[in-house]
Amino acid sequence: MKTVWLPRAIQDLETIRDYIKQENPQAASKVARAIINTVSLIEEHPYIGQASELDEIFEKQVAGLPYLIPYRVVEDRLEILRVFHEAQQRPKEWN
């Protein structure tokens, strides 16, 4: 299965890493790695996430961290839509 990070997801990951890096560069690296590892887990088990309120979109929690990864499976492609901090207000749609 091919994984595609949508531009907003890439931007989210960079923003999270940059924000944490200001206080703790090591923690920023660990958080980014945990997010990437979660995406790898989703690649191996595409339906591991919870079904969301929106059709065809799943959500996977990053273990031990307050981040959520909304994604969808389109044919043989896994699309990472966002990397979202749980304290933020959810958008009406993930795209």
C-alpha atoms as a PDB file:
ATOM      1  CA  MET A   1       0.000   0.000   0.000  1.00  0.00           C
ATOM      2  CA  LYS A   2       1.334   3.393  -0.967  1.00  0.00           C
ATOM      3  CA  THR A   3       1.196   6.089   1.717  1.00  0.00           C
ATOM      4  CA  VAL A   4       0.537   9.695   0.755  1.00  0.00           C
ATOM      5  CA  TRP A   5       0.866  12.503   3.296  1.00  0.00           C
ATOM      6  CA  LEU A   6      -1.420  15.314   2.208  1.00  0.00           C
ATOM      7  CA  PRO A   7       0.169  18.789   2.381  1.00  0.00           C
ATOM      8  CA  ARG A   8      -1.770  19.764   5.539  1.00  0.00           C
ATOM      9  CA  ALA A   9      -0.527  16.628   7.321  1.00  0.00           C
ATOM     10  CA  ILE A  10       3.079  17.449   6.419  1.00  0.00           C
ATOM     11  CA  GLN A  11       2.577  21.011   7.611  1.00  0.00           C
ATOM     12  CA  ASP A  12       0.992  19.756  10.848  1.00  0.00           C
ATOM     13  CA  LEU A  13       3.946  17.461  11.574  1.00  0.00           C
ATOM     14  CA  GLU A  14       6.462  20.246  10.913  1.00  0.00           C
ATOM     15  CA  THR A  15       4.512  22.684  13.099  1.00  0.00           C
ATOM     16  CA  ILE A  16       4.317  20.203  15.982  1.00  0.00           C
ATOM     17  CA  ARG A  17       8.021  19.413  15.746  1.00  0.00           C
ATOM     18  CA  ASP A  18       9.030  23.083  15.534  1.00  0.00           C
ATOM     19  CA  TYR A  19       6.835  24.066  18.482  1.00  0.00           C
ATOM     20  CA  ILE A  20       8.216  21.349  20.770  1.00  0.00           C
ATOM     21  CA  LYS A  21      11.775  21.950  19.550  1.00  0.00           C
ATOM     22  CA  GLN A  22      11.718  25.461  21.020  1.00  0.00           C
ATOM     23  CA  GLU A  23      11.636  23.970  24.524  1.00  0.00           C
ATOM     24  CA  ASN A  24      13.104  20.512  24.042  1.00  0.00           C
ATOM     25  CA  PRO A  25      14.784  19.365  20.812  1.00  0.00           C
ATOM     26  CA  GLN A  26      15.040  15.755  21.992  1.00  0.00           C
ATOM     27  CA  ALA A  27      11.350  15.599  22.806  1.00  0.00           C
ATOM     28  CA  ALA A  28      10.518  17.084  19.405  1.00  0.00           C
ATOM     29  CA  SER A  29      12.424  14.300  17.726  1.00  0.00           C
ATOM     30  CA  LYS A  30      10.735  11.623  19.869  1.00  0.00           C
ATOM     31  CA  VAL A  31       7.246  12.993  19.187  1.00  0.00           C
ATOM     32  CA  ALA A  32       7.884  13.174  15.433  1.00  0.00           C
ATOM     33  CA  ARG A  33       9.214   9.603  15.486  1.00  0.00           C
ATOM     34  CA  ALA A  34       6.138   8.399  17.433  1.00  0.00           C
ATOM     35  CA  ILE A  35       3.851   9.994  14.850  1.00  0.00           C
ATOM     36  CA  ILE A  36       5.785   8.447  11.960  1.00  0.00           C
ATOM     37  CA  ASN A  37       5.789   5.058  13.703  1.00  0.00           C
ATOM     38  CA  THR A  38       2.018   5.292  14.104  1.00  0.00           C
ATOM     39  CA  VAL A  39       1.674   5.932  10.380  1.00  0.00           C
ATOM     40  CA  SER A  40       3.830   2.838   9.766  1.00  0.00           C
ATOM     41  CA  LEU A  41       1.467   0.822  11.962  1.00  0.00           C
ATOM     42  CA  ILE A  42      -1.492   2.126   9.969  1.00  0.00           C
ATOM     43  CA  GLU A  43       0.294   1.080   6.757  1.00  0.00           C
ATOM     44  CA  GLU A  44       0.535  -2.469   8.073  1.00  0.00           C
ATOM     45  CA  HIS A  45      -3.049  -2.520   9.418  1.00  0.00           C
ATOM     46  CA  PRO A  46      -5.076   0.090   7.505  1.00  0.00           C
ATOM     47  CA  TYR A  47      -8.293  -0.478   9.439  1.00  0.00           C
ATOM     48  CA  ILE A  48      -6.724  -0.303  12.901  1.00  0.00           C
ATOM     49  CA  GLY A  49      -8.134   3.174  13.537  1.00  0.00           C
ATOM     50  CA  GLN A  50     -11.552   4.109  14.833  1.00  0.00           C
ATOM     51  CA  ALA A  51     -14.189   5.006  12.272  1.00  0.00           C
ATOM     52  CA  SER A  52     -14.881   8.720  12.475  1.00  0.00           C
ATOM     53  CA  GLU A  53     -18.160  10.562  12.135  1.00  0.00           C
ATOM     54  CA  LEU A  54     -17.179  11.328   8.546  1.00  0.00           C
ATOM     55  CA  ASP A  55     -17.607   8.673   5.886  1.00  0.00           C
ATOM     56  CA  GLU A  56     -14.528   6.645   4.980  1.00  0.00           C
ATOM     57  CA  ILE A  57     -12.251   8.452   7.439  1.00  0.00           C
ATOM     58  CA  PHE A  58     -10.526   6.658  10.271  1.00  0.00           C
ATOM     59  CA  GLU A  59      -8.685   8.134  13.243  1.00  0.00           C
ATOM     60  CA  LYS A  60      -5.680   6.617  14.996  1.00  0.00           C
ATOM     61  CA  GLN A  61      -4.399   7.879  18.332  1.00  0.00           C
ATOM     62  CA  VAL A  62      -0.631   8.187  18.735  1.00  0.00           C
ATOM     63  CA  ALA A  63       0.094   5.978  21.749  1.00  0.00           C
ATOM     64  CA  GLY A  64       0.931   7.970  24.868  1.00  0.00           C
ATOM     65  CA  LEU A  65       0.594  11.340  23.144  1.00  0.00           C
ATOM     66  CA  PRO A  66      -2.306  13.743  22.591  1.00  0.00           C
ATOM     67  CA  TYR A  67      -2.165  13.480  18.798  1.00  0.00           C
ATOM     68  CA  LEU A  68      -4.675  12.009  16.414  1.00  0.00           C
ATOM     69  CA  ILE A  69      -4.028  10.965  12.828  1.00  0.00           C
ATOM     70  CA  PRO A  70      -7.100  11.078  10.577  1.00  0.00           C
ATOM     71  CA  TYR A  71      -6.664   9.038   7.413  1.00  0.00           C
ATOM     72  CA  ARG A  72      -8.528   7.246   4.672  1.00  0.00           C
ATOM     73  CA  VAL A  73      -7.898   4.260   2.452  1.00  0.00           C
ATOM     74  CA  VAL A  74      -8.540   4.902  -1.226  1.00  0.00           C
ATOM     75  CA  GLU A  75      -8.074   1.766  -3.320  1.00  0.00           C
ATOM     76  CA  ASP A  76      -4.406   0.795  -2.763  1.00  0.00           C
ATOM     77  CA  ARG A  77      -3.433   4.161  -1.257  1.00  0.00           C
ATOM     78  CA  LEU A  78      -3.325   5.320   2.356  1.00  0.00           C
ATOM     79  CA  GLU A  79      -3.898   9.066   2.674  1.00  0.00           C
ATOM     80  CA  ILE A  80      -2.720  10.794   5.847  1.00  0.00           C
ATOM     81  CA  LEU A  81      -5.039  13.782   6.105  1.00  0.00           C
ATOM     82  CA  ARG A  82      -3.744  15.620   9.185  1.00  0.00           C
ATOM     83  CA  VAL A  83      -1.805  15.267  12.422  1.00  0.00           C
ATOM     84  CA  PHE A  84      -4.061  16.827  14.984  1.00  0.00           C
ATOM     85  CA  HIS A  85      -3.573  17.793  18.646  1.00  0.00           C
ATOM     86  CA  GLU A  86      -6.573  16.693  20.683  1.00  0.00           C
ATOM     87  CA  ALA A  87      -6.788  20.049  22.488  1.00  0.00           C
ATOM     88  CA  GLN A  88      -7.610  21.769  19.202  1.00  0.00           C
ATOM     89  CA  GLN A  89     -11.149  22.156  17.987  1.00  0.00           C
ATOM     90  CA  ARG A  90     -11.881  19.592  15.322  1.00  0.00           C
ATOM     91  CA  PRO A  91     -12.571  20.912  11.855  1.00  0.00           C
ATOM     92  CA  LYS A  92     -15.879  20.058  10.192  1.00  0.00           C
ATOM     93  CA  GLU A  93     -13.924  18.072   7.610  1.00  0.00           C
ATOM     94  CA  TRP A  94     -10.397  16.706   7.560  1.00  0.00           C
ATOM     95  CA  ASN A  95      -9.546  17.461   3.948  1.00  0.00           C
END
